Amino acid sequence: MKRILYATDYSENAIPALKYAFNLSEKLNASLFVIHVFDYPTVFSKELAEPYQNLEEKSYKTHYQKLVDFCTKNYEGDIDKLDLSFDAIEDKSIVKGIIKKANNLSADLIITGTKSEKVLKELLLGNTAKQLIEKAPCPILTIPKEQNSLEIDTIVYASDFEENDISAIYDLVKIAKPFNATMKIVHISLKEDDVYRNKMVWFRKLLNEKVTYDKIDTEIIYSEDVFEALKSYLNEKNADMVSMLERSSKGIMKMLFHTDLVKKMETLGNVPLMSFNEDQL
């Protein structure tokens, strides 16, 4: 991963995600692009009688400087030594603004926070969190506001043991390796049978052929409650990150992804969530 895009709204809830983005970009030796998406009425009154060009210029300068100040204040090192860029983007849609920037940068990863009132409002209108996952050109990593640790020791990937999972795991390994983290590949089955046991054997063989990393485990959990089983598994393994693949086909991911991103974060607990889209792979 060479380019990481982090979108923020300057809120206090966004600070843990900012620190996480700084740490991850340094660990991966990746360029970090920090952006804020704004709309003109959020800065200037609609009744302000001023030429549009001046309004545009003032809005950009105001948000750009606020963005730089926000990052400088909350970074605990010398910010000038980082491979860091800032951009303030005018767009009525936060999601569209993020996606446009990600496409322009050919970003490898988008990082966002949760529990921001402004972002939360848009996420809950028209299920745009799901749109972000579906339309973004790269995975989405969402950091909960309670996130304090910057270390990654255990990554859990919830899998259906399908070929597309291999591509997602390949990308996850790029994060796991610098941290020397263990990856737990888990499938949650509603009933015990030989179908997924045989599928896991096939999947392990394919995984060994495609992915070079010796700290990967695979297993099956049997439970009639997928959400609770995954939540308990994350707690049991002290997971530092959980990852899933958004897909249109039926299976565990279909059940897990019927809610929006914010709801999933609340359901799965305070664990960073990386969401892949089947079409990105």
Protein backbone atom coordinates (compact mmCIF):
# COMPACT_ATOMS: atom_id res chain seq x y z
CA MET A 1 0.00 0.00 0.00
CA LYS A 2 1.54 3.25 -1.20
CA ARG A 3 -1.27 5.82 -0.89
CA ILE A 4 -3.59 6.15 2.11
CA LEU A 5 -6.47 8.62 2.10
CA TYR A 6 -7.85 9.82 5.44
CA ALA A 7 -11.07 11.86 5.54
CA THR A 8 -11.82 13.95 8.63
CA ASP A 9 -14.33 16.51 9.91
CA TYR A 10 -11.97 17.97 12.57
CA SER A 11 -14.14 16.63 15.40
CA GLU A 12 -12.77 15.23 18.64
CA ASN A 13 -14.19 11.85 17.66
CA ALA A 14 -11.96 11.92 14.56
CA ILE A 15 -8.71 12.23 16.52
CA PRO A 16 -8.22 8.45 17.16
CA ALA A 17 -8.67 7.78 13.44
CA LEU A 18 -6.18 10.54 12.62
CA LYS A 19 -3.54 9.05 14.93
CA TYR A 20 -4.27 5.60 13.52
CA ALA A 21 -3.81 6.91 9.96
CA PHE A 22 -0.51 8.59 10.88
CA ASN A 23 0.82 5.44 12.53
CA LEU A 24 -0.30 3.11 9.74
CA SER A 25 1.18 5.28 7.00
CA GLU A 26 4.52 5.43 8.82
CA LYS A 27 4.53 1.68 9.46
CA LEU A 28 3.71 0.89 5.82
CA ASN A 29 5.98 3.65 4.50
CA ALA A 30 3.00 5.02 2.59
CA SER A 31 2.04 8.54 1.56
CA LEU A 32 -0.83 9.95 3.63
CA PHE A 33 -3.39 12.30 2.10
CA VAL A 34 -5.62 14.05 4.65
CA ILE A 35 -8.81 15.63 3.32
CA HIS A 36 -11.91 17.42 4.52
CA VAL A 37 -15.07 17.59 2.42
CA PHE A 38 -17.10 20.76 2.97
CA ASP A 39 -20.04 22.64 1.52
CA TYR A 40 -20.12 26.45 1.32
CA PRO A 41 -23.13 27.03 3.62
CA THR A 42 -21.23 25.32 6.47
CA VAL A 43 -18.74 28.21 6.49
CA PHE A 44 -20.47 31.30 5.15
CA SER A 45 -24.02 32.51 5.42
CA LYS A 46 -26.17 31.93 2.35
CA GLU A 47 -27.14 35.59 2.56
CA LEU A 48 -23.56 36.78 2.20
CA ALA A 49 -23.46 39.14 -0.78
CA GLU A 50 -20.07 38.28 -2.21
CA PRO A 51 -18.83 37.18 -5.61
CA TYR A 52 -18.80 33.39 -5.99
CA GLN A 53 -15.09 33.30 -6.80
CA ASN A 54 -14.19 35.08 -3.54
CA LEU A 55 -16.49 32.78 -1.61
CA GLU A 56 -14.84 29.72 -3.15
CA GLU A 57 -11.34 30.98 -2.41
CA LYS A 58 -12.14 31.94 1.19
CA SER A 59 -13.89 28.63 1.86
CA TYR A 60 -10.94 26.64 0.58
CA LYS A 61 -8.37 28.66 2.54
CA THR A 62 -10.44 28.45 5.74
CA HIS A 63 -10.83 24.70 5.57
CA TYR A 64 -7.32 24.02 4.35
CA GLN A 65 -5.80 25.92 7.28
CA LYS A 66 -8.20 24.30 9.73
CA LEU A 67 -7.15 20.90 8.39
CA VAL A 68 -3.45 21.66 8.78
CA ASP A 69 -4.00 23.02 12.31
CA PHE A 70 -6.05 19.96 13.29
CA CYS A 71 -3.32 17.56 12.16
CA THR A 72 -0.46 19.59 13.64
CA LYS A 73 -2.19 19.82 17.00
CA ASN A 74 -2.95 16.11 17.25
CA TYR A 75 0.28 14.64 15.89
CA GLU A 76 2.83 13.92 18.61
CA GLY A 77 5.91 14.25 16.42
CA ASP A 78 7.42 16.49 13.77
CA ILE A 79 4.70 16.68 11.15
CA ASP A 80 7.08 18.19 8.59
CA LYS A 81 9.00 14.90 8.45
CA LEU A 82 5.95 12.95 7.26
CA ASP A 83 5.04 12.14 3.66
CA LEU A 84 1.83 14.10 4.15
CA SER A 85 -0.51 16.14 1.94
CA PHE A 86 -3.67 18.14 2.72
CA ASP A 87 -6.70 19.03 0.64
CA ALA A 88 -10.02 20.74 1.32
CA ILE A 89 -12.71 19.60 -1.13
CA GLU A 90 -16.03 21.30 -1.83
CA ASP A 91 -18.86 18.84 -2.42
CA LYS A 92 -22.44 18.64 -1.18
CA SER A 93 -21.90 14.91 -0.58
CA ILE A 94 -19.17 13.74 1.79
CA VAL A 95 -19.16 10.31 0.17
CA LYS A 96 -18.88 11.63 -3.39
CA GLY A 97 -16.08 13.99 -2.36
CA ILE A 98 -14.11 11.15 -0.76
CA ILE A 99 -14.60 8.82 -3.72
CA LYS A 100 -13.59 11.46 -6.26
CA LYS A 101 -10.37 12.18 -4.39
CA ALA A 102 -9.64 8.46 -3.95
CA ASN A 103 -10.06 7.91 -7.69
CA ASN A 104 -7.82 10.85 -8.55
CA LEU A 105 -5.09 9.57 -6.22
CA SER A 106 -5.49 5.88 -7.09
CA ALA A 107 -5.65 5.41 -3.33
CA ASP A 108 -4.93 1.96 -1.89
CA LEU A 109 -6.91 2.52 1.30
CA ILE A 110 -9.46 4.98 2.71
CA ILE A 111 -9.54 5.59 6.48
CA THR A 112 -12.49 7.23 8.22
CA GLY A 113 -13.70 7.60 11.80
CA THR A 114 -17.14 6.97 13.27
CA LYS A 115 -19.51 8.75 15.63
CA SER A 116 -19.06 12.17 14.09
CA GLU A 117 -22.43 13.91 14.21
CA LYS A 118 -22.03 15.47 10.76
CA VAL A 119 -20.76 12.33 9.06
CA LEU A 120 -23.20 10.14 11.00
CA LYS A 121 -26.12 12.20 9.73
CA GLU A 122 -25.12 11.64 6.11
CA LEU A 123 -24.28 7.98 6.67
CA LEU A 124 -27.77 7.32 7.96
CA LEU A 125 -29.45 9.14 5.08
CA GLY A 126 -29.91 6.83 2.12
CA ASN A 127 -27.44 4.25 3.48
CA THR A 128 -24.49 6.12 1.97
CA ALA A 129 -21.98 4.19 4.09
CA LYS A 130 -22.81 1.19 1.96
CA GLN A 131 -22.41 3.39 -1.12
CA LEU A 132 -18.92 4.32 0.03
CA ILE A 133 -17.97 0.64 0.27
CA GLU A 134 -19.63 -0.16 -3.04
CA LYS A 135 -18.24 2.75 -5.07
CA ALA A 136 -14.81 3.42 -3.57
CA PRO A 137 -11.91 2.09 -5.66
CA CYS A 138 -10.19 0.58 -2.62
CA PRO A 139 -10.89 -0.92 0.84
CA ILE A 140 -12.44 1.21 3.61
CA LEU A 141 -10.92 1.10 7.11
CA THR A 142 -13.24 2.55 9.77
CA ILE A 143 -11.77 3.46 13.16
CA PRO A 144 -14.07 3.63 16.23
CA LYS A 145 -13.86 6.70 18.43
CA GLU A 146 -12.79 4.57 21.41
CA GLN A 147 -9.68 3.31 19.58
CA ASN A 148 -6.58 3.94 21.70
CA SER A 149 -4.08 1.29 20.63
CA LEU A 150 -2.03 1.82 17.48
CA GLU A 151 -0.57 -1.70 17.52
CA ILE A 152 -1.91 -4.54 15.40
CA ASP A 153 -1.23 -8.01 16.82
CA THR A 154 -4.27 -9.93 15.56
CA ILE A 155 -6.35 -9.43 12.41
CA VAL A 156 -9.57 -11.42 12.00
CA TYR A 157 -10.94 -11.98 8.50
CA ALA A 158 -14.51 -13.30 8.33
CA SER A 159 -14.55 -15.58 5.30
CA ASP A 160 -16.82 -17.71 3.15
CA PHE A 161 -13.75 -19.67 1.94
CA GLU A 162 -14.21 -18.37 -1.61
CA GLU A 163 -11.58 -17.44 -4.18
CA ASN A 164 -12.23 -13.69 -3.92
CA ASP A 165 -11.32 -13.89 -0.23
CA ILE A 166 -7.77 -14.73 -1.27
CA SER A 167 -7.32 -11.34 -2.96
CA ALA A 168 -8.60 -9.51 0.12
CA ILE A 169 -6.31 -11.53 2.39
CA TYR A 170 -3.39 -10.80 0.07
CA ASP A 171 -3.96 -7.07 0.67
CA LEU A 172 -4.42 -7.59 4.41
CA VAL A 173 -1.06 -9.33 4.62
CA LYS A 174 0.54 -6.07 3.46
CA ILE A 175 -0.68 -4.58 6.74
CA ALA A 176 -0.02 -7.64 8.88
CA LYS A 177 3.63 -8.12 7.89
CA PRO A 178 5.07 -4.81 9.17
CA PHE A 179 3.34 -5.42 12.51
CA ASN A 180 4.24 -9.13 12.54
CA ALA A 181 0.54 -9.71 13.24
CA THR A 182 -1.30 -13.02 13.28
CA MET A 183 -4.19 -13.41 10.83
CA LYS A 184 -7.21 -15.47 11.84
CA ILE A 185 -9.37 -16.59 8.91
CA VAL A 186 -12.72 -17.68 10.33
CA HIS A 187 -15.95 -18.93 8.82
CA ILE A 188 -19.14 -19.01 10.88
CA SER A 189 -21.47 -21.81 9.83
CA LEU A 190 -25.07 -22.21 10.93
CA LYS A 191 -24.78 -25.99 11.10
CA GLU A 192 -22.06 -28.59 11.29
CA ASP A 193 -21.51 -30.54 8.07
CA ASP A 194 -18.74 -31.71 5.75
CA VAL A 195 -19.34 -29.09 3.07
CA TYR A 196 -17.41 -26.27 4.70
CA ARG A 197 -14.85 -28.61 6.27
CA ASN A 198 -13.95 -29.80 2.76
CA LYS A 199 -14.12 -26.25 1.46
CA MET A 200 -11.71 -25.10 4.17
CA VAL A 201 -9.18 -27.76 3.09
CA TRP A 202 -9.43 -26.52 -0.50
CA PHE A 203 -9.19 -22.91 0.65
CA ARG A 204 -6.06 -23.54 2.75
CA LYS A 205 -4.34 -25.12 -0.23
CA LEU A 206 -5.23 -22.18 -2.49
CA LEU A 207 -4.21 -19.70 0.20
CA ASN A 208 -0.78 -21.33 0.55
CA GLU A 209 -0.29 -21.12 -3.21
CA LYS A 210 -1.28 -17.44 -3.49
CA VAL A 211 -0.20 -15.83 -0.21
CA THR A 212 3.23 -15.98 1.41
CA TYR A 213 2.87 -15.44 5.14
CA ASP A 214 3.38 -18.00 7.90
CA LYS A 215 1.17 -16.42 10.56
CA ILE A 216 -2.25 -17.34 9.12
CA ASP A 217 -4.73 -19.69 10.81
CA THR A 218 -8.08 -20.89 9.44
CA GLU A 219 -11.02 -22.31 11.35
CA ILE A 220 -14.79 -22.85 11.37
CA ILE A 221 -17.18 -21.82 14.15
CA TYR A 222 -20.64 -23.36 14.38
CA SER A 223 -23.39 -21.08 15.64
CA GLU A 224 -26.99 -20.14 14.85
CA ASP A 225 -26.25 -16.52 15.77
CA VAL A 226 -23.67 -15.18 13.32
CA PHE A 227 -23.33 -11.75 14.91
CA GLU A 228 -22.86 -12.98 18.47
CA ALA A 229 -20.47 -15.71 17.36
CA LEU A 230 -18.26 -13.23 15.50
CA LYS A 231 -18.41 -10.73 18.36
CA SER A 232 -17.39 -13.41 20.87
CA TYR A 233 -14.60 -14.57 18.58
CA LEU A 234 -13.20 -11.05 18.31
CA ASN A 235 -13.16 -10.74 22.09
CA GLU A 236 -11.64 -14.19 22.57
CA LYS A 237 -8.81 -13.49 20.12
CA ASN A 238 -8.29 -9.88 21.31
CA ALA A 239 -8.69 -8.78 17.70
CA ASP A 240 -7.10 -5.46 16.73
CA MET A 241 -8.86 -5.39 13.36
CA VAL A 242 -11.73 -7.24 11.70
CA SER A 243 -12.14 -7.47 7.95
CA MET A 244 -14.93 -8.59 5.62
CA LEU A 245 -15.72 -8.80 1.93
CA GLU A 246 -18.87 -7.09 0.70
CA ARG A 247 -20.43 -9.34 -1.93
CA SER A 248 -23.71 -9.75 -3.76
CA SER A 249 -23.85 -13.52 -3.42
CA LYS A 250 -25.44 -15.34 -0.53
CA GLY A 251 -23.48 -16.45 2.49
CA ILE A 252 -22.17 -15.15 5.81
CA MET A 253 -21.08 -11.83 4.31
CA LYS A 254 -24.57 -11.27 2.90
CA MET A 255 -25.99 -11.65 6.40
CA LEU A 256 -23.36 -9.45 7.99
CA PHE A 257 -23.63 -6.66 5.44
CA HIS A 258 -27.38 -6.12 5.49
CA THR A 259 -26.87 -3.22 7.90
CA ASP A 260 -24.94 -0.02 7.29
CA LEU A 261 -21.33 0.53 8.32
CA VAL A 262 -22.14 2.44 11.53
CA LYS A 263 -24.53 -0.28 12.68
CA LYS A 264 -21.92 -2.97 11.99
CA MET A 265 -19.31 -1.12 14.03
CA GLU A 266 -21.69 -0.89 16.98
CA THR A 267 -22.67 -4.55 16.64
CA LEU A 268 -19.15 -5.93 16.33
CA GLY A 269 -17.74 -3.79 19.14
CA ASN A 270 -14.97 -1.24 19.21
CA VAL A 271 -12.69 -2.89 16.68
CA PRO A 272 -11.37 -1.21 13.51
CA LEU A 273 -13.24 -2.61 10.51
CA MET A 274 -11.75 -3.02 7.04
CA SER A 275 -14.36 -3.51 4.33
CA PHE A 276 -13.45 -4.87 0.91
CA ASN A 277 -15.75 -4.84 -2.08
CA GLU A 278 -15.91 -7.81 -4.42
CA ASP A 279 -15.63 -5.48 -7.43
CA GLN A 280 -12.37 -3.96 -6.16
CA LEU A 281 -10.53 -7.29 -6.31
